[in-house]
N, C-alpha and C. Protein backbone atom coordinates (compact mmCIF):
# COMPACT_ATOMS: atom_id res chain seq x y z
N MET A 1 83.38 128.35 50.45
CA MET A 1 85.04 128.58 50.08
C MET A 1 86.01 128.93 50.74
N LYS A 2 85.74 129.52 52.25
CA LYS A 2 87.15 129.81 53.17
C LYS A 2 87.25 128.32 53.70
N LYS A 3 86.04 127.88 54.45
CA LYS A 3 85.96 126.49 55.10
C LYS A 3 86.82 125.47 54.17
N PRO A 4 86.49 125.03 53.63
CA PRO A 4 87.86 124.39 52.33
C PRO A 4 89.22 125.15 52.23
N ILE A 5 89.23 125.69 52.62
CA ILE A 5 90.45 126.51 51.81
C ILE A 5 91.29 126.36 53.71
N LEU A 6 90.64 127.09 54.70
CA LEU A 6 91.16 126.53 55.74
C LEU A 6 91.35 125.07 56.21
N LEU A 7 90.26 124.17 56.24
CA LEU A 7 90.54 122.67 56.18
C LEU A 7 91.95 122.17 55.22
N LEU A 8 92.31 122.88 54.29
CA LEU A 8 93.16 122.53 53.87
C LEU A 8 94.31 122.63 54.27
N PHE A 9 94.57 123.55 54.76
CA PHE A 9 96.12 125.04 55.47
C PHE A 9 95.94 123.65 56.61
N LEU A 10 95.18 123.67 57.50
CA LEU A 10 95.04 122.75 58.74
C LEU A 10 95.99 121.00 58.33
N LEU A 11 95.24 120.66 57.54
CA LEU A 11 96.10 119.40 57.41
C LEU A 11 97.57 119.42 56.26
N ILE A 12 97.68 120.43 55.66
CA ILE A 12 99.13 120.28 55.48
C ILE A 12 99.74 120.61 56.46
N SER A 13 99.60 121.71 57.25
CA SER A 13 99.61 121.87 58.82
C SER A 13 100.58 121.15 59.75
N CYS A 14 99.34 119.93 59.77
CA CYS A 14 99.20 118.74 60.68
C CYS A 14 100.23 117.96 59.68
N VAL A 15 100.55 117.71 58.53
CA VAL A 15 101.44 116.88 58.08
C VAL A 15 103.36 117.66 58.22
N PHE A 16 103.31 118.69 57.84
CA PHE A 16 104.32 119.51 57.93
C PHE A 16 105.21 119.44 59.38
N SER A 17 104.28 119.03 60.17
CA SER A 17 104.57 119.22 61.97
C SER A 17 105.22 118.15 62.63
N SER A 18 104.15 117.09 62.26
CA SER A 18 104.93 115.04 61.96
C SER A 18 106.22 114.90 61.76
N PHE A 19 106.51 115.84 60.39
CA PHE A 19 107.96 115.42 59.64
C PHE A 19 109.16 115.49 60.94
N GLY A 20 109.10 116.46 61.57
CA GLY A 20 110.55 116.52 62.27
C GLY A 20 110.13 116.19 63.30
N GLN A 21 109.39 114.74 63.99
CA GLN A 21 109.66 114.52 65.04
C GLN A 21 110.28 113.10 64.98
N GLY A 22 110.76 112.86 65.45
CA GLY A 22 111.46 111.40 66.36
C GLY A 22 110.74 110.69 67.03
N THR A 23 110.97 109.72 67.72
CA THR A 23 110.56 108.40 68.38
C THR A 23 110.95 108.01 68.95
N ILE A 24 111.36 107.19 70.01
CA ILE A 24 111.91 105.33 70.55
C ILE A 24 111.31 105.32 71.46
N ARG A 25 110.72 103.95 71.34
CA ARG A 25 109.84 103.54 72.40
C ARG A 25 110.95 102.18 72.33
N GLY A 26 109.92 101.12 73.59
CA GLY A 26 110.54 99.73 73.70
C GLY A 26 110.46 99.55 75.44
N LYS A 27 110.79 97.99 75.60
CA LYS A 27 110.67 98.30 76.92
C LYS A 27 111.95 97.97 77.98
N ILE A 28 111.72 98.27 79.00
CA ILE A 28 112.39 98.15 80.22
C ILE A 28 113.17 96.89 81.05
N ILE A 29 113.75 96.41 81.00
CA ILE A 29 114.08 95.16 82.19
C ILE A 29 115.54 95.49 82.55
N ASP A 30 115.30 94.07 83.84
CA ASP A 30 116.63 94.07 84.17
C ASP A 30 117.12 92.95 83.75
N THR A 31 118.25 92.73 85.05
CA THR A 31 119.29 91.54 84.37
C THR A 31 118.67 90.27 84.64
N ASN A 32 117.56 89.88 85.68
CA ASN A 32 117.13 89.15 85.36
C ASN A 32 115.82 88.71 84.26
N GLY A 33 115.50 89.61 83.74
CA GLY A 33 114.21 89.69 82.89
C GLY A 33 113.21 89.94 83.73
N GLU A 34 113.28 91.48 84.31
CA GLU A 34 111.85 91.38 85.45
C GLU A 34 111.27 93.39 84.70
N THR A 35 110.39 92.84 84.64
CA THR A 35 110.16 94.46 84.50
C THR A 35 110.57 95.64 84.89
N LEU A 36 110.99 97.10 84.77
CA LEU A 36 111.04 97.83 85.90
C LEU A 36 110.12 99.10 85.55
N ILE A 37 108.88 99.41 86.55
CA ILE A 37 107.97 100.28 86.56
C ILE A 37 108.42 102.21 87.02
N GLY A 38 108.72 102.69 86.47
CA GLY A 38 109.04 104.11 86.62
C GLY A 38 110.48 104.46 86.32
N VAL A 39 110.98 104.00 85.68
CA VAL A 39 112.04 104.40 85.15
C VAL A 39 112.23 105.45 83.86
N THR A 40 113.10 106.26 84.57
CA THR A 40 113.21 108.03 83.97
C THR A 40 113.65 108.27 82.52
N VAL A 41 112.94 108.71 81.70
CA VAL A 41 113.79 108.33 80.30
C VAL A 41 113.52 109.25 79.62
N MET A 42 114.56 110.39 79.82
CA MET A 42 114.89 111.82 78.87
C MET A 42 116.28 111.82 77.93
N LEU A 43 115.87 113.44 77.41
CA LEU A 43 117.04 113.63 76.55
C LEU A 43 118.16 114.52 77.31
N LYS A 44 118.94 114.16 77.06
CA LYS A 44 121.05 114.29 77.90
C LYS A 44 120.27 116.39 77.46
N ASN A 45 120.45 116.82 76.41
CA ASN A 45 120.55 117.88 75.93
C ASN A 45 119.25 118.86 76.40
N ASN A 46 118.14 117.42 76.63
CA ASN A 46 116.93 118.71 77.17
C ASN A 46 116.39 117.67 77.59
N ARG A 47 116.85 117.78 79.30
CA ARG A 47 115.38 117.57 80.52
C ARG A 47 114.18 117.51 79.99
N ALA A 48 113.63 118.77 79.83
CA ALA A 48 112.31 118.47 79.94
C ALA A 48 111.45 118.16 79.22
N VAL A 49 112.22 117.64 78.11
CA VAL A 49 111.70 115.94 77.26
C VAL A 49 111.74 114.61 77.77
N GLY A 50 110.90 113.94 78.48
CA GLY A 50 110.67 112.72 78.95
C GLY A 50 109.65 112.53 79.54
N THR A 51 110.22 110.96 79.50
CA THR A 51 108.64 109.94 80.27
C THR A 51 109.13 109.27 81.18
N SER A 52 108.25 108.27 81.55
CA SER A 52 108.47 106.61 82.90
C SER A 52 108.13 105.88 81.89
N SER A 53 108.66 104.94 82.20
CA SER A 53 108.01 102.98 81.78
C SER A 53 107.04 103.01 82.88
N ASP A 54 106.12 102.34 82.02
CA ASP A 54 104.82 102.10 82.81
C ASP A 54 104.96 100.90 83.74
N PHE A 55 103.36 99.94 84.39
CA PHE A 55 103.40 98.73 84.36
C PHE A 55 103.74 97.63 83.91
N ASP A 56 104.33 97.66 82.89
CA ASP A 56 104.47 96.49 81.96
C ASP A 56 106.35 96.75 81.34
N GLY A 57 106.97 98.22 81.99
CA GLY A 57 107.98 98.23 81.65
C GLY A 57 107.92 99.04 79.99
N ASN A 58 107.24 99.48 79.59
CA ASN A 58 107.10 100.05 78.18
C ASN A 58 107.05 101.72 78.17
N TYR A 59 107.86 102.26 77.15
CA TYR A 59 108.53 103.47 77.37
C TYR A 59 107.93 104.20 75.90
N SER A 60 107.59 105.59 75.82
CA SER A 60 107.63 105.92 74.40
C SER A 60 108.00 107.15 74.68
N LEU A 61 108.84 107.66 73.45
CA LEU A 61 109.39 109.08 73.99
C LEU A 61 109.57 109.33 72.59
N THR A 62 108.71 110.77 72.42
CA THR A 62 108.61 111.61 71.21
C THR A 62 109.17 113.35 71.29
N PHE A 63 109.79 113.28 70.36
CA PHE A 63 110.83 114.86 70.56
C PHE A 63 110.85 115.31 69.47
N LYS A 64 111.39 116.77 68.90
CA LYS A 64 111.07 117.38 67.97
C LYS A 64 112.43 117.81 67.72
N ASP A 65 113.81 117.44 67.91
CA ASP A 65 114.78 118.21 67.93
C ASP A 65 114.80 116.91 66.86
N LEU A 66 115.54 117.53 65.64
CA LEU A 66 116.29 116.91 64.85
C LEU A 66 117.89 116.42 64.92
N GLY A 67 118.50 115.72 64.40
CA GLY A 67 119.76 114.62 64.39
C GLY A 67 119.57 114.01 65.56
N PRO A 68 121.45 113.45 65.51
CA PRO A 68 120.93 112.45 66.60
C PRO A 68 121.38 113.24 68.06
N GLN A 69 119.99 111.89 68.91
CA GLN A 69 120.15 112.68 70.49
C GLN A 69 120.61 111.14 71.40
N VAL A 70 120.87 111.85 72.89
CA VAL A 70 121.74 111.65 73.56
C VAL A 70 120.28 110.77 74.42
N VAL A 71 119.42 109.53 74.93
CA VAL A 71 118.75 109.42 75.60
C VAL A 71 119.15 108.84 76.84
N VAL A 72 118.60 109.39 77.49
CA VAL A 72 119.69 108.99 79.06
C VAL A 72 118.34 108.18 80.11
N PHE A 73 118.27 106.81 80.52
CA PHE A 73 117.62 105.87 81.43
C PHE A 73 118.56 105.47 82.58
N THR A 74 117.43 106.63 83.76
CA THR A 74 117.91 106.27 84.97
C THR A 74 116.78 106.00 85.94
N TYR A 75 117.12 104.70 87.68
CA TYR A 75 116.46 104.09 88.09
C TYR A 75 117.31 104.10 89.25
N VAL A 76 116.39 104.34 90.05
CA VAL A 76 116.92 103.93 92.20
C VAL A 76 118.02 102.89 92.03
N SER A 77 118.82 102.48 92.24
CA SER A 77 119.54 101.50 92.62
C SER A 77 120.12 100.65 91.23
N TYR A 78 120.20 101.81 90.15
CA TYR A 78 120.29 100.68 89.52
C TYR A 78 121.24 101.98 88.25
N LYS A 79 122.05 100.85 87.20
CA LYS A 79 123.18 102.53 87.15
C LYS A 79 122.54 102.75 85.47
N ASN A 80 122.86 104.18 85.63
CA ASN A 80 122.58 105.19 83.88
C ASN A 80 123.30 104.52 83.19
N GLN A 81 121.86 104.47 82.13
CA GLN A 81 122.22 103.84 80.41
C GLN A 81 121.99 105.76 79.96
N GLU A 82 122.80 105.47 79.10
CA GLU A 82 123.09 106.11 77.55
C GLU A 82 123.05 105.96 76.04
N ILE A 83 122.16 106.05 75.88
CA ILE A 83 122.10 105.46 74.36
C ILE A 83 122.21 106.48 73.20
N THR A 84 122.26 106.43 71.89
CA THR A 84 122.66 107.65 70.70
C THR A 84 121.81 107.08 70.00
N ILE A 85 120.78 107.70 69.17
CA ILE A 85 119.72 107.48 68.65
C ILE A 85 119.87 108.55 67.23
N ASN A 86 119.48 108.21 66.26
CA ASN A 86 119.36 109.41 65.21
C ASN A 86 117.87 108.91 64.24
N PRO A 87 116.96 109.52 64.97
CA PRO A 87 115.72 108.79 64.29
C PRO A 87 115.46 109.29 63.10
N GLU A 88 115.38 110.39 62.36
CA GLU A 88 115.40 110.83 61.52
C GLU A 88 113.75 110.85 60.90
N GLY A 89 112.52 111.32 62.05
CA GLY A 89 111.34 111.41 62.00
C GLY A 89 111.15 110.12 61.97
N LYS A 90 111.57 109.00 62.08
CA LYS A 90 111.18 107.65 62.23
C LYS A 90 111.19 107.03 64.24
N VAL A 91 110.28 106.16 63.53
CA VAL A 91 110.25 105.46 65.17
C VAL A 91 111.27 104.42 64.96
N VAL A 92 111.76 104.62 66.64
CA VAL A 92 113.43 103.71 66.82
C VAL A 92 112.55 102.98 67.90
N VAL A 93 112.43 100.88 67.58
CA VAL A 93 112.32 100.49 69.36
C VAL A 93 113.52 100.02 69.88
N LYS A 94 114.26 100.54 70.92
CA LYS A 94 115.17 99.82 71.45
C LYS A 94 114.83 99.77 72.57
N ASP A 95 115.02 97.76 73.01
CA ASP A 95 114.54 97.37 74.32
C ASP A 95 115.88 97.66 75.47
N ILE A 96 116.22 98.17 76.98
CA ILE A 96 116.86 98.41 77.30
C ILE A 96 117.19 97.64 78.49
N ILE A 97 118.35 97.24 78.80
CA ILE A 97 118.42 96.14 80.32
C ILE A 97 119.28 96.93 81.42
N MET A 98 118.96 97.42 82.23
CA MET A 98 119.44 97.65 83.17
C MET A 98 119.96 96.90 84.21
N GLU A 99 121.59 97.40 84.72
CA GLU A 99 122.24 96.44 85.52
C GLU A 99 122.29 97.11 87.33
N SER A 100 122.60 96.40 87.69
CA SER A 100 122.10 96.58 89.32
C SER A 100 123.27 97.66 89.67
N SER A 101 123.41 98.73 90.39
CA SER A 101 124.19 99.14 91.05
C SER A 101 124.12 98.60 92.42
N ALA A 102 124.02 97.79 92.99
CA ALA A 102 123.62 97.94 94.55
C ALA A 102 125.20 97.43 95.11
N GLN A 103 125.56 97.90 95.76
CA GLN A 103 126.85 97.95 96.97
C GLN A 103 126.69 97.03 97.96
N GLU A 104 127.62 95.65 98.15
CA GLU A 104 127.30 95.59 99.41
C GLU A 104 127.76 96.39 100.99
N LEU A 105 127.47 96.14 101.91
CA LEU A 105 128.47 97.06 102.76
C LEU A 105 129.01 96.28 104.16
N LYS A 106 130.39 96.68 104.33
CA LYS A 106 130.82 95.49 105.62
C LYS A 106 129.95 95.37 106.63
N GLY A 107 129.14 96.32 107.28
CA GLY A 107 128.42 96.03 108.51
C GLY A 107 128.55 97.44 109.17
N VAL A 108 127.27 98.18 109.44
CA VAL A 108 126.89 99.41 110.37
C VAL A 108 126.46 98.55 112.27
N GLU A 109 126.94 99.77 112.67
CA GLU A 109 126.98 99.63 113.76
C GLU A 109 125.98 101.12 114.95
N VAL A 110 125.32 100.73 115.59
CA VAL A 110 124.21 101.60 115.87
C VAL A 110 124.33 101.84 117.46
N SER A 111 125.33 103.02 118.43
CA SER A 111 125.07 102.57 119.32
C SER A 111 124.42 103.81 119.74
N ALA A 112 123.41 103.32 121.43
CA ALA A 112 122.92 105.14 121.97
C ALA A 112 123.13 104.70 123.02
N LYS A 113 123.07 105.39 124.66
CA LYS A 113 123.47 106.41 125.85
C LYS A 113 122.12 106.58 126.28
N ALA A 114 121.57 105.91 126.99
CA ALA A 114 120.24 105.58 127.95
C ALA A 114 120.96 107.06 128.71
N THR A 115 119.67 108.07 128.82
CA THR A 115 119.72 108.92 129.79
C THR A 115 119.09 108.36 131.48
N LYS A 116 119.52 108.34 132.05
CA LYS A 116 118.61 107.37 133.32
C LYS A 116 118.05 108.69 134.12
N ALA A 117 117.66 109.81 133.94
CA ALA A 117 116.78 110.51 133.73
C ALA A 117 115.87 110.77 133.78
N ARG A 118 115.96 110.17 132.48
CA ARG A 118 114.53 110.28 131.59
C ARG A 118 113.37 108.85 131.53
N GLU A 119 112.34 109.23 130.99
CA GLU A 119 111.26 108.11 132.02
C GLU A 119 111.58 107.11 130.53
N TYR A 120 111.51 107.12 129.49
CA TYR A 120 112.17 106.05 128.95
C TYR A 120 113.45 104.86 129.73
N PHE A 121 114.42 105.34 130.59
CA PHE A 121 115.60 104.49 131.63
C PHE A 121 114.39 103.66 132.62
N SER A 122 113.67 104.22 133.39
CA SER A 122 112.41 103.76 134.26
C SER A 122 112.10 102.62 133.41
N GLU A 123 111.28 103.10 132.44
CA GLU A 123 110.10 102.31 131.87
C GLU A 123 111.14 101.03 131.41
N MET A 124 112.21 101.27 130.60
CA MET A 124 113.23 99.84 130.16
C MET A 124 113.15 99.07 130.93
N VAL A 125 113.75 99.98 132.79
CA VAL A 125 113.83 99.21 133.85
C VAL A 125 113.31 97.94 134.22
N LYS A 126 111.75 98.53 134.13
CA LYS A 126 110.55 98.42 135.02
C LYS A 126 110.51 97.08 134.00
N LYS A 127 110.53 96.98 133.06
CA LYS A 127 109.93 96.10 131.63
C LYS A 127 110.88 94.92 131.55
N ASN A 128 112.67 94.97 132.07
CA ASN A 128 113.06 93.78 132.25
C ASN A 128 113.27 93.24 133.72
N ALA A 129 112.25 93.87 134.88
CA ALA A 129 112.43 93.38 136.05
C ALA A 129 111.77 92.48 136.26
N ALA A 130 112.47 90.88 137.29
CA ALA A 130 111.63 90.21 137.73
C ALA A 130 110.73 90.15 138.60
N VAL A 131 110.57 91.48 138.99
CA VAL A 131 109.57 91.81 139.86
C VAL A 131 108.95 92.54 139.58
N SER A 132 107.49 92.71 140.57
CA SER A 132 106.46 93.84 140.16
C SER A 132 107.28 95.41 140.64
N MET A 133 106.92 96.62 140.16
CA MET A 133 107.93 97.41 140.71
C MET A 133 107.49 98.94 139.58
N ASP A 134 107.23 99.59 140.11
CA ASP A 134 106.68 101.14 139.39
C ASP A 134 107.87 102.26 140.07
N TYR A 135 107.79 103.65 139.14
CA TYR A 135 108.62 104.71 139.63
C TYR A 135 108.12 105.56 139.66
N ILE A 136 108.70 106.61 139.95
CA ILE A 136 108.67 108.23 139.23
C ILE A 136 109.47 108.51 139.36
N SER A 137 109.68 109.53 137.81
CA SER A 137 111.21 109.92 137.51
C SER A 137 111.13 111.57 137.94
N SER A 138 112.55 111.74 138.37
CA SER A 138 112.86 113.66 138.15
C SER A 138 111.83 114.53 136.96
N GLU A 139 112.01 113.46 135.95
CA GLU A 139 111.59 114.55 134.96
C GLU A 139 109.38 114.84 135.34
N THR A 140 109.30 113.71 135.67
CA THR A 140 107.62 114.02 136.23
C THR A 140 107.55 114.82 137.56
N MET A 141 108.64 114.52 138.40
CA MET A 141 108.71 115.58 139.41
C MET A 141 108.48 116.25 138.87
N LYS A 142 109.31 116.65 137.94
CA LYS A 142 109.52 118.74 137.15
C LYS A 142 108.09 118.88 136.78
N LYS A 143 107.42 117.73 136.10
CA LYS A 143 106.30 118.48 135.28
C LYS A 143 104.84 118.84 136.58
N THR A 144 105.16 117.91 137.31
CA THR A 144 104.31 117.95 138.69
C THR A 144 104.36 118.95 139.28
N GLY A 145 105.38 119.68 139.17
CA GLY A 145 105.53 120.53 140.57
C GLY A 145 105.75 119.62 141.97
N ASP A 146 105.71 119.01 142.30
CA ASP A 146 105.66 118.33 143.71
C ASP A 146 106.75 119.47 144.72
N ALA A 147 106.36 119.37 146.15
CA ALA A 147 107.13 119.99 146.85
C ALA A 147 108.16 119.85 147.43
N ASN A 148 108.33 118.21 147.29
CA ASN A 148 109.10 117.35 147.82
C ASN A 148 108.86 115.49 147.48
N VAL A 149 110.00 115.25 147.67
CA VAL A 149 109.94 113.66 147.26
C VAL A 149 108.56 113.34 147.85
N VAL A 150 108.52 113.19 148.64
CA VAL A 150 107.47 112.62 149.89
C VAL A 150 105.85 112.85 148.93
N ALA A 151 105.96 113.85 148.34
CA ALA A 151 104.84 114.10 147.85
C ALA A 151 104.58 113.85 146.43
N ALA A 152 105.51 113.67 145.99
CA ALA A 152 106.28 112.90 144.97
C ALA A 152 106.18 111.37 144.71
N VAL A 153 106.51 110.59 145.55
CA VAL A 153 106.59 109.21 145.57
C VAL A 153 104.88 109.17 146.16
N SER A 154 104.17 109.68 146.54
CA SER A 154 102.98 109.33 147.05
C SER A 154 102.15 109.23 145.45
N ARG A 155 102.78 109.90 144.70
CA ARG A 155 101.84 109.30 143.17
C ARG A 155 101.70 107.81 142.92
N VAL A 156 102.12 107.13 143.54
CA VAL A 156 103.17 105.94 142.59
C VAL A 156 101.80 104.76 143.48
N SER A 157 101.55 103.74 142.76
CA SER A 157 100.83 102.67 143.08
C SER A 157 101.53 101.77 144.60
N GLY A 158 100.09 101.72 145.36
CA GLY A 158 101.10 101.08 146.01
C GLY A 158 102.20 101.83 147.63
N VAL A 159 102.44 103.30 147.19
CA VAL A 159 103.06 103.87 148.31
C VAL A 159 102.21 104.83 148.87
N SER A 160 102.41 104.54 150.28
CA SER A 160 101.24 105.28 151.54
C SER A 160 103.12 105.92 151.94
N THR A 161 102.14 107.25 152.28
CA THR A 161 103.05 108.22 153.14
C THR A 161 102.26 108.14 154.83
N ASN A 162 102.78 108.00 155.28
CA ASN A 162 102.34 108.87 156.86
C ASN A 162 103.48 109.90 157.99
N GLY A 163 103.48 110.00 157.68
CA GLY A 163 103.69 111.46 158.95
C GLY A 163 105.37 111.83 158.39
N GLY A 164 105.66 111.97 156.69
CA GLY A 164 107.00 111.85 156.47
C GLY A 164 107.38 110.38 156.26
N PHE A 165 106.86 109.57 156.46
CA PHE A 165 107.44 107.79 156.70
C PHE A 165 106.40 107.31 155.12
N ILE A 166 107.48 106.22 154.43
CA ILE A 166 107.03 106.53 152.84
C ILE A 166 106.97 104.84 153.34
N THR A 167 106.12 104.05 153.29
CA THR A 167 105.72 102.58 153.00
C THR A 167 105.58 102.31 151.81
């Protein structure tokens, strides 16, 4: 006797819990008709209730709040869109067309100054030179701890030292 009453109670509670819900679903595309993947869809007054569009641009958002709701659609490099719906326990189908918010830049100039004491400057000179050359930078001399220039230059290939003379 207890099992049928418990089952009846569960069925009635499931029916009543489904009445207070609203659902909005549809497809999200751009102005060219291409589907947008990963568009964020959420309620404006409750950002914890949200979803995102799938690989086909489809979305479905179910919420328990009653009355009119403002649904916000956001996507990177597209204008945010807000729509107001009043589902009253029904399913609302709303397809969304997102507009691009891209802006054209006039121009960007990037400049840098090379420090001659660094190894990258010497590598750049070596790469752009018309003849074969090698180098040793002051940075490398500091790292190796050479006592003088003769000891440091002797590390460069093709250089020989003989009694203080460099050849």
